[in-house]
Structure formats: C-alpha cells, structure tokens
Amino acid sequence: MSKFLNDITEFIKKQPFNVIRISEVHNGGEIETVEFNPSNPCQNTYSIAKFFTMTAIGILFDRGLVSLEEKICDIFREELPASIDSRWEKSTVEMALIHRLGFPAQFLDIDVTNCSEFGEDFLKHCFTVPLAYTPGEGEIYTDGSYYILSRIVSKKTGMHLDDFLWKELFWKMNFREAAWSHCPMGYPMGATGLYICSEDMVKMGMVYLDGGLYRGSRIVSEKWVELAKKNGYALDYDDEKKIFFKGGMCGQKLIIAPSQKRVVALQSYGANSDIIAGFVKNYE
C-alpha cells in the first residue's frame, strides 16, 4: 500500500463519518484501494455521473458531431412540443454543460423526487416545464441539463449514452462493472444513477490528469480537457486551484491533484467529502 493510502486511512479513521472505500493512483502507477466498510463494489456515484456524460459530449465534439454553440432546439426539432416556450430557441449545448438552460431548482432530480411525477416522456417534460429564467441569463444546477445531454448523445449516435460509453470508453479502459438508471423510455439519466467501482472512477480522473489520455491511449482531445477545466463542465476547483474535482450526493468524490500527479476516488454514505478533498489538496 502506498504511503498516501496509509496516511489517508489513518486520517479517515479519526473522522466522525462513514467511508465505504477510497482508491488512488499516483503518477500513472497501479490503482490501489482501501475498503473501510465491506459493501458492493459497484456503488451509485450520483452526480459524478455528470463527469462521464460530459466526456461523452467531448468525444462527439472531437469527432465534429456536436458543437458547443449548437442550438438544442435544432437537435430536437422533431421532438419539440407545439406549446414550447419560444425562449428555448436560445439554448445551446454549452448552456446544458454549465446548467444555464433555465430549469427550476432540483428539476428532474430522481434522487429526491419520485420519478413518476415527471411522466413517461422526460424529454417532453423538459421542454414543457415553466422556465425559471431565459436560457443563458442565469444558472441553476439541475439534473435536467444532463438528461438533455444524455439525449443529445442518443440523437447524434443512435445509441443510448451507456451503450455509447461502453463502446467508446468503458471497454477500452477495462471497466469492471457499470450500470445506469434510466428514464421510463430507456434513456440513461445522464446526471445521476451511474453505478461503478471506485477504481473505474479513478481511471476517468486519469484521463483528465493526462490531457485526455488513458495509459497512452487517446480518449478525448487535450482541447476538450482544457475546455472542460476552463469552463467548468462537470468540474469544480478549490479556492487555490490546487485540485479539481466532481462531487456526488452522500459524499462521493473524484479528486484530481495535478501537482501531485494523483487521482483519488471516494465512495461513502454520508461522509464530508470536502474534508477528504482538503486532505488530498494539502498532502505533501
């Protein structure tokens, strides 16, 4: 076990919250894991799912199949309801990536709301829910934005998001297991409900640590990685910008520390993931 894992294990044992497991890779070496509470290896990552959906959009971007300025209404012209708010015509792919589509707070959040409330057709529900603001003129973090992105992947490729990622990413990176919560029509939620192993969370972090490469194999372009980091596509920074990360409900965290050449993945239920991220940021 690495010195880092030994040190963070001792740190976690002193905390008043529950951690399931933590995985780490340093400088492209082997991925190591410490398990604190035995449980299923495949756990719900909640909003870390957005990081994977964003990467799928990056793959399409690299292939010229989607642009950041592309209008969402143009993509879904055939699916638009007759009663759609005309302000939807302003919405773009990039606005979805940064939660500026106009959705109200907690929209389409299946983790806190009974999904039957949204009807059978979630896409129709997205286009008919009253907008909280004109797209692009505000910002409210919602799961609805990343469901739209999931559907964009399907519209552009003819494949569901999870099938597309298995083909283009998960098989190439030797993922152990993955499953995704779907809407009633069978489309992955995009924003949440991705069940994966902590080691596979680390692998995704390695891609963004190494400019779009996974162990020398190109997954996304360096340009996409820089756009995601610069514009905050499913990514956040600490105040000092020493680490960047994506968090999920109940204490999930994927942490990338470029200066340390380290990626850390946390699975938990109720942990204060910011405390764990602080330990990683200040580790020497």
Protein backbone atom coordinates (compact mmCIF):
# COMPACT_ATOMS: atom_id res chain seq x y z
CA MET A 1 0.00 0.00 0.00
CA SER A 2 1.26 3.48 -0.86
CA LYS A 3 2.30 5.96 1.81
CA PHE A 4 -0.55 8.22 0.72
CA LEU A 5 -3.13 5.49 1.26
CA ASN A 6 -1.65 4.66 4.65
CA ASP A 7 -1.78 8.30 5.65
CA ILE A 8 -5.30 8.98 4.40
CA THR A 9 -6.51 5.74 6.00
CA GLU A 10 -5.32 6.94 9.40
CA PHE A 11 -6.91 10.32 8.74
CA ILE A 12 -10.27 8.80 7.78
CA LYS A 13 -10.33 6.55 10.84
CA LYS A 14 -10.35 9.68 13.00
CA GLN A 15 -13.35 11.22 11.23
CA PRO A 16 -16.94 11.03 12.58
CA PHE A 17 -18.45 9.86 9.29
CA ASN A 18 -18.81 6.71 7.22
CA VAL A 19 -16.49 5.93 4.29
CA ILE A 20 -17.00 2.84 2.17
CA ARG A 21 -13.74 2.81 0.23
CA ILE A 22 -11.09 5.01 -1.30
CA SER A 23 -8.98 4.34 -4.39
CA GLU A 24 -5.87 6.13 -5.58
CA VAL A 25 -3.35 6.20 -8.40
CA HIS A 26 -0.11 8.15 -8.37
CA ASN A 27 1.99 9.08 -11.38
CA GLY A 28 0.29 6.55 -13.66
CA GLY A 29 1.08 3.55 -11.46
CA GLU A 30 -1.20 0.82 -10.22
CA ILE A 31 -4.58 1.72 -8.79
CA GLU A 32 -4.86 0.76 -5.11
CA THR A 33 -7.94 0.60 -2.90
CA VAL A 34 -8.66 0.61 0.82
CA GLU A 35 -12.07 -0.64 1.95
CA PHE A 36 -13.39 0.64 5.27
CA ASN A 37 -16.86 -0.90 5.20
CA PRO A 38 -17.40 -4.03 3.09
CA SER A 39 -20.15 -3.46 0.53
CA ASN A 40 -20.93 -3.94 -3.14
CA PRO A 41 -18.00 -2.76 -5.28
CA CYS A 42 -20.42 -1.11 -7.71
CA GLN A 43 -21.92 1.96 -6.00
CA ASN A 44 -24.13 4.86 -7.06
CA THR A 45 -21.86 7.81 -7.84
CA TYR A 46 -24.80 10.23 -8.02
CA SER A 47 -23.67 13.49 -9.69
CA ILE A 48 -20.24 12.13 -10.63
CA ALA A 49 -22.28 10.63 -13.47
CA LYS A 50 -22.25 14.11 -14.99
CA PHE A 51 -18.47 13.84 -15.42
CA PHE A 52 -18.98 10.76 -17.61
CA THR A 53 -21.80 12.34 -19.62
CA MET A 54 -19.66 15.42 -20.19
CA THR A 55 -16.90 13.14 -21.50
CA ALA A 56 -19.31 11.53 -23.96
CA ILE A 57 -20.14 15.00 -25.28
CA GLY A 58 -16.39 15.59 -25.54
CA ILE A 59 -15.98 12.53 -27.74
CA LEU A 60 -18.73 13.83 -30.05
CA PHE A 61 -17.12 17.29 -30.02
CA ASP A 62 -13.78 15.82 -31.07
CA ARG A 63 -15.44 14.00 -33.97
CA GLY A 64 -17.25 17.09 -35.19
CA LEU A 65 -20.66 15.60 -34.37
CA VAL A 66 -21.67 18.36 -31.97
CA SER A 67 -20.60 21.94 -31.31
CA LEU A 68 -20.84 23.94 -28.12
CA GLU A 69 -22.86 26.64 -29.87
CA GLU A 70 -25.32 24.20 -31.45
CA LYS A 71 -28.93 25.01 -30.60
CA ILE A 72 -30.75 22.37 -28.60
CA CYS A 73 -33.99 23.11 -30.46
CA ASP A 74 -32.23 22.36 -33.75
CA ILE A 75 -31.09 19.00 -32.42
CA PHE A 76 -34.57 18.04 -31.20
CA ARG A 77 -36.69 19.86 -33.77
CA GLU A 78 -38.80 16.75 -34.44
CA GLU A 79 -39.46 16.17 -30.73
CA LEU A 80 -40.43 19.72 -29.74
CA PRO A 81 -43.99 20.15 -28.44
CA ALA A 82 -46.19 22.73 -30.12
CA SER A 83 -46.53 24.65 -26.85
CA ILE A 84 -42.78 25.13 -26.23
CA ASP A 85 -41.62 28.42 -24.71
CA SER A 86 -40.00 30.44 -27.52
CA ARG A 87 -37.06 31.21 -25.21
CA TRP A 88 -35.88 27.63 -25.72
CA GLU A 89 -34.59 28.75 -29.12
CA LYS A 90 -31.72 30.48 -27.28
CA SER A 91 -30.47 27.30 -25.58
CA THR A 92 -27.18 25.69 -26.62
CA VAL A 93 -25.19 22.56 -25.83
CA GLU A 94 -22.73 24.56 -23.74
CA MET A 95 -25.56 26.03 -21.68
CA ALA A 96 -26.54 22.48 -20.75
CA LEU A 97 -22.97 21.68 -19.71
CA ILE A 98 -22.91 24.67 -17.32
CA HIS A 99 -26.52 24.49 -16.06
CA ARG A 100 -27.84 27.59 -17.81
CA LEU A 101 -30.86 26.16 -19.63
CA GLY A 102 -33.46 27.88 -17.47
CA PHE A 103 -34.68 24.89 -15.46
CA PRO A 104 -36.04 25.49 -11.94
CA ALA A 105 -34.12 24.23 -8.91
CA GLN A 106 -33.98 20.44 -8.35
CA PHE A 107 -35.56 19.79 -11.72
CA LEU A 108 -35.60 16.11 -12.76
CA ASP A 109 -33.72 15.05 -9.62
CA ILE A 110 -34.70 11.39 -9.28
CA ASP A 111 -32.63 11.04 -6.10
CA VAL A 112 -35.02 13.23 -4.11
CA THR A 113 -38.23 13.11 -6.17
CA ASN A 114 -40.42 10.22 -7.27
CA CYS A 115 -39.64 9.96 -10.98
CA SER A 116 -43.26 9.01 -11.77
CA GLU A 117 -44.08 12.68 -11.19
CA PHE A 118 -42.31 13.56 -14.45
CA GLY A 119 -44.49 11.40 -16.68
CA GLU A 120 -43.32 8.76 -19.12
CA ASP A 121 -41.61 11.14 -21.57
CA PHE A 122 -38.88 13.01 -19.67
CA LEU A 123 -37.75 14.91 -22.78
CA LYS A 124 -41.23 16.31 -23.30
CA HIS A 125 -41.31 17.23 -19.63
CA CYS A 126 -38.03 19.15 -20.06
CA PHE A 127 -39.49 21.19 -22.91
CA THR A 128 -42.80 21.96 -21.20
CA VAL A 129 -41.80 22.74 -17.60
CA PRO A 130 -42.07 26.52 -16.95
CA LEU A 131 -38.62 28.10 -17.29
CA ALA A 132 -37.19 29.88 -14.25
CA TYR A 133 -35.21 32.28 -16.45
CA THR A 134 -34.27 32.83 -20.10
CA PRO A 135 -31.61 30.27 -21.13
CA GLY A 136 -28.13 31.74 -20.79
CA GLU A 137 -29.22 34.54 -18.46
CA GLY A 138 -29.00 32.64 -15.18
CA GLU A 139 -27.53 29.50 -13.65
CA ILE A 140 -29.30 26.85 -11.56
CA TYR A 141 -27.66 23.46 -11.03
CA THR A 142 -30.12 20.75 -12.08
CA ASP A 143 -30.13 17.16 -13.27
CA GLY A 144 -32.36 18.17 -16.17
CA SER A 145 -29.45 19.73 -18.06
CA TYR A 146 -27.50 16.48 -18.11
CA TYR A 147 -30.55 14.41 -19.05
CA ILE A 148 -30.76 16.68 -22.10
CA LEU A 149 -27.08 15.90 -22.81
CA SER A 150 -27.77 12.18 -22.50
CA ARG A 151 -30.49 12.51 -25.10
CA ILE A 152 -28.18 14.56 -27.35
CA VAL A 153 -25.70 11.66 -27.34
CA SER A 154 -28.51 9.33 -28.44
CA LYS A 155 -29.73 11.73 -31.10
CA LYS A 156 -26.23 12.12 -32.56
CA THR A 157 -25.14 8.49 -32.40
CA GLY A 158 -28.29 6.39 -32.49
CA MET A 159 -27.08 4.74 -29.27
CA HIS A 160 -28.07 5.18 -25.66
CA LEU A 161 -25.47 7.01 -23.58
CA ASP A 162 -24.43 3.92 -21.62
CA ASP A 163 -24.10 1.78 -24.76
CA PHE A 164 -22.04 4.53 -26.39
CA LEU A 165 -19.70 4.80 -23.39
CA TRP A 166 -19.26 1.03 -23.17
CA LYS A 167 -18.19 1.01 -26.80
CA GLU A 168 -16.03 4.13 -26.78
CA LEU A 169 -14.65 4.26 -23.27
CA PHE A 170 -15.51 1.55 -20.74
CA TRP A 171 -14.21 -1.42 -22.77
CA LYS A 172 -11.06 0.47 -23.75
CA MET A 173 -10.34 1.28 -20.10
CA ASN A 174 -11.20 -2.19 -18.75
CA PHE A 175 -14.09 -1.09 -16.56
CA ARG A 176 -15.09 -3.72 -14.06
CA GLU A 177 -18.83 -3.06 -13.97
CA ALA A 178 -21.24 -0.24 -14.76
CA ALA A 179 -24.99 0.28 -14.72
CA TRP A 180 -27.09 3.40 -15.19
CA SER A 181 -30.56 4.44 -14.01
CA HIS A 182 -32.88 5.05 -16.94
CA CYS A 183 -35.98 7.12 -17.63
CA PRO A 184 -39.21 5.23 -18.42
CA MET A 185 -38.33 5.30 -22.13
CA GLY A 186 -34.97 3.61 -21.51
CA TYR A 187 -32.55 6.53 -21.77
CA PRO A 188 -29.83 6.89 -19.10
CA MET A 189 -30.42 9.85 -16.78
CA GLY A 190 -27.01 11.33 -17.55
CA ALA A 191 -26.96 13.40 -14.39
CA THR A 192 -27.09 10.68 -11.75
CA GLY A 193 -27.64 6.98 -11.19
CA LEU A 194 -24.32 5.71 -12.58
CA TYR A 195 -23.19 2.67 -10.57
CA ILE A 196 -19.47 1.96 -10.97
CA CYS A 197 -16.45 0.86 -8.95
CA SER A 198 -14.08 3.31 -7.28
CA GLU A 199 -11.15 2.03 -9.37
CA ASP A 200 -13.06 2.99 -12.52
CA MET A 201 -13.77 6.44 -11.12
CA VAL A 202 -10.00 6.82 -10.79
CA LYS A 203 -9.50 5.81 -14.42
CA MET A 204 -11.72 8.65 -15.58
CA GLY A 205 -9.74 11.07 -13.44
CA MET A 206 -6.54 9.83 -15.06
CA VAL A 207 -7.89 10.88 -18.46
CA TYR A 208 -8.28 14.49 -17.31
CA LEU A 209 -4.98 14.44 -15.43
CA ASP A 210 -3.11 13.32 -18.54
CA GLY A 211 -4.57 15.63 -21.18
CA GLY A 212 -7.18 13.21 -22.49
CA LEU A 213 -5.06 10.05 -22.46
CA TYR A 214 -5.58 6.84 -20.53
CA ARG A 215 -2.27 4.99 -20.19
CA GLY A 216 -1.16 6.38 -23.55
CA SER A 217 -4.46 5.75 -25.37
CA ARG A 218 -6.37 8.82 -26.58
CA ILE A 219 -9.88 9.06 -25.08
CA VAL A 220 -10.66 12.75 -25.64
CA SER A 221 -8.62 15.57 -27.09
CA GLU A 222 -6.39 17.79 -24.99
CA LYS A 223 -8.51 20.67 -26.29
CA TRP A 224 -11.63 19.16 -24.74
CA VAL A 225 -9.88 18.60 -21.41
CA GLU A 226 -8.77 22.23 -21.34
CA LEU A 227 -12.27 23.45 -22.26
CA ALA A 228 -13.81 21.32 -19.51
CA LYS A 229 -11.35 22.61 -16.92
CA LYS A 230 -11.53 26.24 -18.04
CA ASN A 231 -15.32 26.44 -18.32
CA GLY A 232 -16.30 24.10 -15.50
CA TYR A 233 -18.02 21.33 -17.46
CA ALA A 234 -18.93 18.98 -14.58
CA LEU A 235 -15.80 20.13 -12.73
CA ASP A 236 -15.07 22.34 -9.72
CA TYR A 237 -11.86 23.79 -8.25
CA ASP A 238 -10.71 24.56 -4.74
CA ASP A 239 -10.04 28.24 -4.00
CA GLU A 240 -6.31 27.85 -4.68
CA LYS A 241 -6.89 25.75 -7.81
CA LYS A 242 -4.56 23.07 -6.48
CA ILE A 243 -7.13 20.35 -7.18
CA PHE A 244 -10.16 19.95 -9.38
CA PHE A 245 -12.97 17.55 -8.63
CA LYS A 246 -16.53 16.36 -9.10
CA GLY A 247 -18.70 15.51 -6.14
CA GLY A 248 -21.86 13.49 -5.72
CA MET A 249 -24.62 13.17 -3.15
CA CYS A 250 -23.94 11.26 0.08
CA GLY A 251 -20.23 12.03 -0.02
CA GLN A 252 -18.93 10.72 -3.35
CA LYS A 253 -15.85 12.49 -4.71
CA LEU A 254 -13.47 12.23 -7.64
CA ILE A 255 -10.39 14.35 -6.92
CA ILE A 256 -7.59 15.22 -9.36
CA ALA A 257 -4.39 16.77 -7.99
CA PRO A 258 -2.18 17.74 -10.97
CA SER A 259 0.85 18.91 -8.98
CA GLN A 260 0.92 15.56 -7.15
CA LYS A 261 0.13 13.54 -10.30
CA ARG A 262 -2.56 11.89 -8.21
CA VAL A 263 -6.20 10.86 -8.63
CA VAL A 264 -8.37 9.84 -5.67
CA ALA A 265 -11.89 8.40 -5.69
CA LEU A 266 -14.09 8.32 -2.61
CA GLN A 267 -17.21 6.21 -2.13
CA SER A 268 -19.16 6.81 1.02
CA TYR A 269 -22.54 7.23 2.59
CA GLY A 270 -22.72 10.49 4.50
CA ALA A 271 -19.03 11.43 4.52
CA ASN A 272 -17.94 15.06 4.41
CA SER A 273 -16.13 14.78 1.09
CA ASP A 274 -14.79 18.33 1.36
CA ILE A 275 -12.71 17.26 4.35
CA ILE A 276 -11.26 14.39 2.32
CA ALA A 277 -10.58 16.74 -0.59
CA GLY A 278 -8.81 19.12 1.79
CA PHE A 279 -6.52 16.32 2.95
CA VAL A 280 -5.65 15.47 -0.66
CA LYS A 281 -5.08 19.12 -1.59
CA ASN A 282 -2.64 19.70 1.27
CA TYR A 283 -0.86 16.35 1.09
CA GLU A 284 2.91 16.55 0.82
